[in-house]
Amino acid sequence: MDFYCDVNDLPLSMILSWYEQKAVGILLTLLSLGIKNIPLGPTLPAFIIPNILQVLVDKFNIAPISTLEDGLKAMLG
């Protein structure tokens, strides 16, 4: 099936809990597939140090959020 659009144009949303190891694997999978514009937070995973965060922001347009409300706004537009 062809949707005639890029995967980043599809109206998809997902909420992951960083308290689960699976969430890190899912994030890495999404990034390897080229998924962009992912809101991340309000608490960042411990492995996301400032230098890594800057690479994620620059390359994948990761959007750090400070509250759950900010995350919902980012996902829903």
PDB file of N, CA and C in Angstrom:
ATOM      1  N   MET A   1       0.843  -1.162   0.000  1.00  0.00           N
ATOM      2  CA  MET A   1       0.000   0.000   0.000  1.00  0.00           C
ATOM      3  C   MET A   1       0.894   1.233   0.000  1.00  0.00           C
ATOM      4  N   ASP A   2       0.579   2.199  -0.817  1.00  0.00           N
ATOM      5  CA  ASP A   2       1.364   3.418  -0.922  1.00  0.00           C
ATOM      6  C   ASP A   2       0.512   4.605  -0.509  1.00  0.00           C
ATOM      7  N   PHE A   3       0.999   5.375   0.450  1.00  0.00           N
ATOM      8  CA  PHE A   3       0.255   6.531   0.937  1.00  0.00           C
ATOM      9  C   PHE A   3       0.628   7.810   0.190  1.00  0.00           C
ATOM     10  N   TYR A   4       1.586   7.724  -0.741  1.00  0.00           N
ATOM     11  CA  TYR A   4       2.020   8.866  -1.536  1.00  0.00           C
ATOM     12  C   TYR A   4       2.510  10.019  -0.668  1.00  0.00           C
ATOM     13  N   CYS A   5       3.182   9.681   0.430  1.00  0.00           N
ATOM     14  CA  CYS A   5       3.759  10.705   1.287  1.00  0.00           C
ATOM     15  C   CYS A   5       4.909  10.088   2.075  1.00  0.00           C
ATOM     16  N   ASP A   6       5.702  10.942   2.682  1.00  0.00           N
ATOM     17  CA  ASP A   6       6.804  10.522   3.528  1.00  0.00           C
ATOM     18  C   ASP A   6       6.252  10.076   4.882  1.00  0.00           C
ATOM     19  N   VAL A   7       6.941   9.191   5.563  1.00  0.00           N
ATOM     20  CA  VAL A   7       6.469   8.696   6.853  1.00  0.00           C
ATOM     21  C   VAL A   7       6.318   9.839   7.855  1.00  0.00           C
ATOM     22  N   ASN A   8       7.130  10.886   7.730  1.00  0.00           N
ATOM     23  CA  ASN A   8       7.028  12.017   8.648  1.00  0.00           C
ATOM     24  C   ASN A   8       5.787  12.862   8.392  1.00  0.00           C
ATOM     25  N   ASP A   9       5.101  12.643   7.269  1.00  0.00           N
ATOM     26  CA  ASP A   9       3.865  13.367   6.971  1.00  0.00           C
ATOM     27  C   ASP A   9       2.620  12.653   7.485  1.00  0.00           C
ATOM     28  N   LEU A  10       2.763  11.426   7.968  1.00  0.00           N
ATOM     29  CA  LEU A  10       1.621  10.669   8.471  1.00  0.00           C
ATOM     30  C   LEU A  10       1.209  11.175   9.858  1.00  0.00           C
ATOM     31  N   PRO A  11      -0.078  11.191  10.161  1.00  0.00           N
ATOM     32  CA  PRO A  11      -0.548  11.687  11.466  1.00  0.00           C
ATOM     33  C   PRO A  11      -0.423  10.613  12.552  1.00  0.00           C
ATOM     34  N   LEU A  12       0.805  10.373  12.988  1.00  0.00           N
ATOM     35  CA  LEU A  12       1.059   9.352  13.999  1.00  0.00           C
ATOM     36  C   LEU A  12       1.513  10.007  15.296  1.00  0.00           C
ATOM     37  N   SER A  13       1.135   9.424  16.418  1.00  0.00           N
ATOM     38  CA  SER A  13       1.649   9.889  17.702  1.00  0.00           C
ATOM     39  C   SER A  13       1.846   8.683  18.610  1.00  0.00           C
ATOM     40  N   MET A  14       2.797   8.830  19.543  1.00  0.00           N
ATOM     41  CA  MET A  14       3.134   7.737  20.438  1.00  0.00           C
ATOM     42  C   MET A  14       3.669   8.339  21.736  1.00  0.00           C
ATOM     43  N   ILE A  15       3.298   7.774  22.850  1.00  0.00           N
ATOM     44  CA  ILE A  15       3.811   8.222  24.138  1.00  0.00           C
ATOM     45  C   ILE A  15       4.567   7.049  24.751  1.00  0.00           C
ATOM     46  N   LEU A  16       5.828   7.285  25.078  1.00  0.00           N
ATOM     47  CA  LEU A  16       6.676   6.242  25.648  1.00  0.00           C
ATOM     48  C   LEU A  16       7.035   6.595  27.081  1.00  0.00           C
ATOM     49  N   SER A  17       7.164   5.603  27.905  1.00  0.00           N
ATOM     50  CA  SER A  17       7.601   5.810  29.281  1.00  0.00           C
ATOM     51  C   SER A  17       9.086   5.470  29.364  1.00  0.00           C
ATOM     52  N   TRP A  18       9.901   6.433  29.806  1.00  0.00           N
ATOM     53  CA  TRP A  18      11.338   6.201  29.886  1.00  0.00           C
ATOM     54  C   TRP A  18      11.709   5.273  31.026  1.00  0.00           C
ATOM     55  N   TYR A  19      10.724   4.867  31.787  1.00  0.00           N
ATOM     56  CA  TYR A  19      11.011   3.938  32.863  1.00  0.00           C
ATOM     57  C   TYR A  19      11.078   2.505  32.347  1.00  0.00           C
ATOM     58  N   GLU A  20      10.800   2.334  31.081  1.00  0.00           N
ATOM     59  CA  GLU A  20      10.885   1.012  30.471  1.00  0.00           C
ATOM     60  C   GLU A  20      12.048   0.985  29.493  1.00  0.00           C
ATOM     61  N   GLN A  21      12.840  -0.079  29.527  1.00  0.00           N
ATOM     62  CA  GLN A  21      13.980  -0.190  28.623  1.00  0.00           C
ATOM     63  C   GLN A  21      13.530  -0.250  27.168  1.00  0.00           C
ATOM     64  N   LYS A  22      12.326  -0.755  26.933  1.00  0.00           N
ATOM     65  CA  LYS A  22      11.832  -0.848  25.565  1.00  0.00           C
ATOM     66  C   LYS A  22      11.727   0.531  24.910  1.00  0.00           C
ATOM     67  N   ALA A  23      11.469   1.568  25.705  1.00  0.00           N
ATOM     68  CA  ALA A  23      11.302   2.909  25.156  1.00  0.00           C
ATOM     69  C   ALA A  23      12.565   3.383  24.449  1.00  0.00           C
ATOM     70  N   VAL A  24      13.721   3.065  25.001  1.00  0.00           N
ATOM     71  CA  VAL A  24      14.980   3.453  24.374  1.00  0.00           C
ATOM     72  C   VAL A  24      15.130   2.740  23.033  1.00  0.00           C
ATOM     73  N   GLY A  25      14.813   1.465  23.002  1.00  0.00           N
ATOM     74  CA  GLY A  25      14.874   0.703  21.751  1.00  0.00           C
ATOM     75  C   GLY A  25      13.919   1.249  20.715  1.00  0.00           C
ATOM     76  N   ILE A  26      12.728   1.644  21.153  1.00  0.00           N
ATOM     77  CA  ILE A  26      11.752   2.219  20.220  1.00  0.00           C
ATOM     78  C   ILE A  26      12.259   3.548  19.679  1.00  0.00           C
ATOM     79  N   LEU A  27      12.811   4.409  20.546  1.00  0.00           N
ATOM     80  CA  LEU A  27      13.352   5.687  20.084  1.00  0.00           C
ATOM     81  C   LEU A  27      14.462   5.466  19.063  1.00  0.00           C
ATOM     82  N   LEU A  28      15.379   4.561  19.355  1.00  0.00           N
ATOM     83  CA  LEU A  28      16.477   4.296  18.420  1.00  0.00           C
ATOM     84  C   LEU A  28      15.960   3.737  17.099  1.00  0.00           C
ATOM     85  N   THR A  29      14.925   2.910  17.152  1.00  0.00           N
ATOM     86  CA  THR A  29      14.319   2.378  15.927  1.00  0.00           C
ATOM     87  C   THR A  29      13.693   3.500  15.108  1.00  0.00           C
ATOM     88  N   LEU A  30      12.939   4.389  15.766  1.00  0.00           N
ATOM     89  CA  LEU A  30      12.316   5.510  15.062  1.00  0.00           C
ATOM     90  C   LEU A  30      13.370   6.396  14.406  1.00  0.00           C
ATOM     91  N   LEU A  31      14.456   6.667  15.131  1.00  0.00           N
ATOM     92  CA  LEU A  31      15.521   7.497  14.569  1.00  0.00           C
ATOM     93  C   LEU A  31      16.198   6.806  13.393  1.00  0.00           C
ATOM     94  N   SER A  32      16.410   5.494  13.485  1.00  0.00           N
ATOM     95  CA  SER A  32      17.053   4.768  12.383  1.00  0.00           C
ATOM     96  C   SER A  32      16.164   4.732  11.142  1.00  0.00           C
ATOM     97  N   LEU A  33      14.850   4.847  11.332  1.00  0.00           N
ATOM     98  CA  LEU A  33      13.917   4.893  10.200  1.00  0.00           C
ATOM     99  C   LEU A  33      13.787   6.300   9.632  1.00  0.00           C
ATOM    100  N   GLY A  34      14.442   7.265  10.266  1.00  0.00           N
ATOM    101  CA  GLY A  34      14.400   8.633   9.775  1.00  0.00           C
ATOM    102  C   GLY A  34      13.210   9.444  10.264  1.00  0.00           C
ATOM    103  N   ILE A  35      12.525   8.951  11.289  1.00  0.00           N
ATOM    104  CA  ILE A  35      11.386   9.680  11.843  1.00  0.00           C
ATOM    105  C   ILE A  35      11.910  10.952  12.506  1.00  0.00           C
ATOM    106  N   LYS A  36      11.246  12.065  12.243  1.00  0.00           N
ATOM    107  CA  LYS A  36      11.677  13.358  12.774  1.00  0.00           C
ATOM    108  C   LYS A  36      10.548  14.009  13.559  1.00  0.00           C
ATOM    109  N   ASN A  37      10.873  15.122  14.188  1.00  0.00           N
ATOM    110  CA  ASN A  37       9.901  15.942  14.921  1.00  0.00           C
ATOM    111  C   ASN A  37       9.291  15.205  16.111  1.00  0.00           C
ATOM    112  N   ILE A  38      10.115  14.527  16.876  1.00  0.00           N
ATOM    113  CA  ILE A  38       9.648  13.774  18.037  1.00  0.00           C
ATOM    114  C   ILE A  38       9.773  14.650  19.284  1.00  0.00           C
ATOM    115  N   PRO A  39       8.653  14.924  19.984  1.00  0.00           N
ATOM    116  CA  PRO A  39       8.784  15.616  21.268  1.00  0.00           C
ATOM    117  C   PRO A  39       9.372  14.648  22.295  1.00  0.00           C
ATOM    118  N   LEU A  40      10.291  15.127  23.113  1.00  0.00           N
ATOM    119  CA  LEU A  40      10.987  14.260  24.054  1.00  0.00           C
ATOM    120  C   LEU A  40      11.023  14.927  25.425  1.00  0.00           C
ATOM    121  N   GLY A  41      10.486  14.270  26.429  1.00  0.00           N
ATOM    122  CA  GLY A  41      10.493  14.831  27.775  1.00  0.00           C
ATOM    123  C   GLY A  41       9.219  14.433  28.489  1.00  0.00           C
ATOM    124  N   PRO A  42       8.830  15.044  29.549  1.00  0.00           N
ATOM    125  CA  PRO A  42       9.489  16.190  30.176  1.00  0.00           C
ATOM    126  C   PRO A  42      10.799  15.836  30.877  1.00  0.00           C
ATOM    127  N   THR A  43      10.993  14.581  31.233  1.00  0.00           N
ATOM    128  CA  THR A  43      12.274  14.155  31.790  1.00  0.00           C
ATOM    129  C   THR A  43      13.006  13.381  30.716  1.00  0.00           C
ATOM    130  N   LEU A  44      14.202  13.833  30.387  1.00  0.00           N
ATOM    131  CA  LEU A  44      14.972  13.146  29.348  1.00  0.00           C
ATOM    132  C   LEU A  44      15.640  11.910  29.924  1.00  0.00           C
ATOM    133  N   PRO A  45      15.821  10.879  29.093  1.00  0.00           N
ATOM    134  CA  PRO A  45      16.538   9.691  29.557  1.00  0.00           C
ATOM    135  C   PRO A  45      17.954  10.081  30.003  1.00  0.00           C
ATOM    136  N   ALA A  46      18.521   9.341  30.937  1.00  0.00           N
ATOM    137  CA  ALA A  46      19.830   9.671  31.503  1.00  0.00           C
ATOM    138  C   ALA A  46      20.939   9.692  30.456  1.00  0.00           C
ATOM    139  N   PHE A  47      20.820   8.914  29.375  1.00  0.00           N
ATOM    140  CA  PHE A  47      21.889   8.882  28.379  1.00  0.00           C
ATOM    141  C   PHE A  47      21.878  10.092  27.448  1.00  0.00           C
ATOM    142  N   ILE A  48      20.857  10.930  27.532  1.00  0.00           N
ATOM    143  CA  ILE A  48      20.774  12.116  26.673  1.00  0.00           C
ATOM    144  C   ILE A  48      21.499  13.265  27.367  1.00  0.00           C
ATOM    145  N   ILE A  49      22.810  13.310  27.171  1.00  0.00           N
ATOM    146  CA  ILE A  49      23.601  14.415  27.712  1.00  0.00           C
ATOM    147  C   ILE A  49      23.493  15.589  26.730  1.00  0.00           C
ATOM    148  N   PRO A  50      23.880  16.798  27.136  1.00  0.00           N
ATOM    149  CA  PRO A  50      23.701  17.967  26.265  1.00  0.00           C
ATOM    150  C   PRO A  50      24.246  17.809  24.850  1.00  0.00           C
ATOM    151  N   ASN A  51      25.429  17.200  24.683  1.00  0.00           N
ATOM    152  CA  ASN A  51      25.993  17.036  23.334  1.00  0.00           C
ATOM    153  C   ASN A  51      25.144  16.107  22.475  1.00  0.00           C
ATOM    154  N   ILE A  52      24.655  15.025  23.072  1.00  0.00           N
ATOM    155  CA  ILE A  52      23.805  14.089  22.332  1.00  0.00           C
ATOM    156  C   ILE A  52      22.479  14.755  21.993  1.00  0.00           C
ATOM    157  N   LEU A  53      21.918  15.499  22.929  1.00  0.00           N
ATOM    158  CA  LEU A  53      20.662  16.202  22.670  1.00  0.00           C
ATOM    159  C   LEU A  53      20.823  17.160  21.504  1.00  0.00           C
ATOM    160  N   GLN A  54      21.937  17.874  21.439  1.00  0.00           N
ATOM    161  CA  GLN A  54      22.133  18.819  20.340  1.00  0.00           C
ATOM    162  C   GLN A  54      22.192  18.108  18.991  1.00  0.00           C
ATOM    163  N   VAL A  55      22.831  16.957  18.927  1.00  0.00           N
ATOM    164  CA  VAL A  55      22.865  16.171  17.684  1.00  0.00           C
ATOM    165  C   VAL A  55      21.449  15.738  17.305  1.00  0.00           C
ATOM    166  N   LEU A  56      20.672  15.264  18.285  1.00  0.00           N
ATOM    167  CA  LEU A  56      19.296  14.834  18.007  1.00  0.00           C
ATOM    168  C   LEU A  56      18.429  16.002  17.531  1.00  0.00           C
ATOM    169  N   VAL A  57      18.615  17.169  18.132  1.00  0.00           N
ATOM    170  CA  VAL A  57      17.861  18.358  17.713  1.00  0.00           C
ATOM    171  C   VAL A  57      18.261  18.745  16.296  1.00  0.00           C
ATOM    172  N   ASP A  58      19.565  18.787  16.008  1.00  0.00           N
ATOM    173  CA  ASP A  58      20.054  19.211  14.697  1.00  0.00           C
ATOM    174  C   ASP A  58      19.702  18.230  13.585  1.00  0.00           C
ATOM    175  N   LYS A  59      19.849  16.938  13.852  1.00  0.00           N
ATOM    176  CA  LYS A  59      19.671  15.930  12.794  1.00  0.00           C
ATOM    177  C   LYS A  59      18.228  15.438  12.665  1.00  0.00           C
ATOM    178  N   PHE A  60      17.511  15.332  13.789  1.00  0.00           N
ATOM    179  CA  PHE A  60      16.177  14.725  13.761  1.00  0.00           C
ATOM    180  C   PHE A  60      15.066  15.670  14.210  1.00  0.00           C
ATOM    181  N   ASN A  61      15.410  16.915  14.506  1.00  0.00           N
ATOM    182  CA  ASN A  61      14.426  17.896  14.960  1.00  0.00           C
ATOM    183  C   ASN A  61      13.678  17.407  16.212  1.00  0.00           C
ATOM    184  N   ILE A  62      14.424  16.749  17.109  1.00  0.00           N
ATOM    185  CA  ILE A  62      13.860  16.342  18.398  1.00  0.00           C
ATOM    186  C   ILE A  62      13.482  17.609  19.156  1.00  0.00           C
ATOM    187  N   ALA A  63      12.311  17.620  19.770  1.00  0.00           N
ATOM    188  CA  ALA A  63      11.842  18.801  20.485  1.00  0.00           C
ATOM    189  C   ALA A  63      11.754  18.494  21.974  1.00  0.00           C
ATOM    190  N   PRO A  64      12.746  18.920  22.756  1.00  0.00           N
ATOM    191  CA  PRO A  64      12.652  18.716  24.201  1.00  0.00           C
ATOM    192  C   PRO A  64      11.461  19.492  24.759  1.00  0.00           C
ATOM    193  N   ILE A  65      10.687  18.853  25.620  1.00  0.00           N
ATOM    194  CA  ILE A  65       9.525  19.507  26.230  1.00  0.00           C
ATOM    195  C   ILE A  65       9.731  19.546  27.739  1.00  0.00           C
ATOM    196  N   SER A  66       9.085  20.504  28.391  1.00  0.00           N
ATOM    197  CA  SER A  66       9.261  20.625  29.832  1.00  0.00           C
ATOM    198  C   SER A  66       8.039  20.158  30.620  1.00  0.00           C
ATOM    199  N   THR A  67       6.881  20.077  29.951  1.00  0.00           N
ATOM    200  CA  THR A  67       5.671  19.602  30.626  1.00  0.00           C
ATOM    201  C   THR A  67       4.917  18.649  29.712  1.00  0.00           C
ATOM    202  N   LEU A  68       4.056  17.853  30.291  1.00  0.00           N
ATOM    203  CA  LEU A  68       3.229  16.962  29.476  1.00  0.00           C
ATOM    204  C   LEU A  68       2.316  17.757  28.549  1.00  0.00           C
ATOM    205  N   GLU A  69       1.842  18.907  29.020  1.00  0.00           N
ATOM    206  CA  GLU A  69       0.978  19.747  28.189  1.00  0.00           C
ATOM    207  C   GLU A  69       1.725  20.219  26.942  1.00  0.00           C
ATOM    208  N   ASP A  70       3.014  20.591  27.105  1.00  0.00           N
ATOM    209  CA  ASP A  70       3.826  20.983  25.949  1.00  0.00           C
ATOM    210  C   ASP A  70       3.951  19.830  24.960  1.00  0.00           C
ATOM    211  N   GLY A  71       4.102  18.622  25.485  1.00  0.00           N
ATOM    212  CA  GLY A  71       4.220  17.449  24.618  1.00  0.00           C
ATOM    213  C   GLY A  71       2.946  17.209  23.840  1.00  0.00           C
ATOM    214  N   LEU A  72       1.802  17.339  24.492  1.00  0.00           N
ATOM    215  CA  LEU A  72       0.531  17.162  23.788  1.00  0.00           C
ATOM    216  C   LEU A  72       0.332  18.227  22.719  1.00  0.00           C
ATOM    217  N   LYS A  73       0.703  19.455  23.033  1.00  0.00           N
ATOM    218  CA  LYS A  73       0.606  20.534  22.040  1.00  0.00           C
ATOM    219  C   LYS A  73       1.506  20.257  20.845  1.00  0.00           C
ATOM    220  N   ALA A  74       2.706  19.760  21.125  1.00  0.00           N
ATOM    221  CA  ALA A  74       3.658  19.453  20.049  1.00  0.00           C
ATOM    222  C   ALA A  74       3.140  18.331  19.160  1.00  0.00           C
ATOM    223  N   MET A  75       2.507  17.322  19.767  1.00  0.00           N
ATOM    224  CA  MET A  75       2.007  16.189  18.995  1.00  0.00           C
ATOM    225  C   MET A  75       0.737  16.533  18.224  1.00  0.00           C
ATOM    226  N   LEU A  76      -0.126  17.319  18.837  1.00  0.00           N
ATOM    227  CA  LEU A  76      -1.436  17.588  18.234  1.00  0.00           C
ATOM    228  C   LEU A  76      -1.441  18.853  17.383  1.00  0.00           C
ATOM    229  N   GLY A  77      -0.422  19.657  17.525  1.00  0.00           N
ATOM    230  CA  GLY A  77      -0.315  20.862  16.698  1.00  0.00           C
ATOM    231  C   GLY A  77      -1.063  22.015  17.176  1.00  0.00           C
TER     232      GLY A  77
END
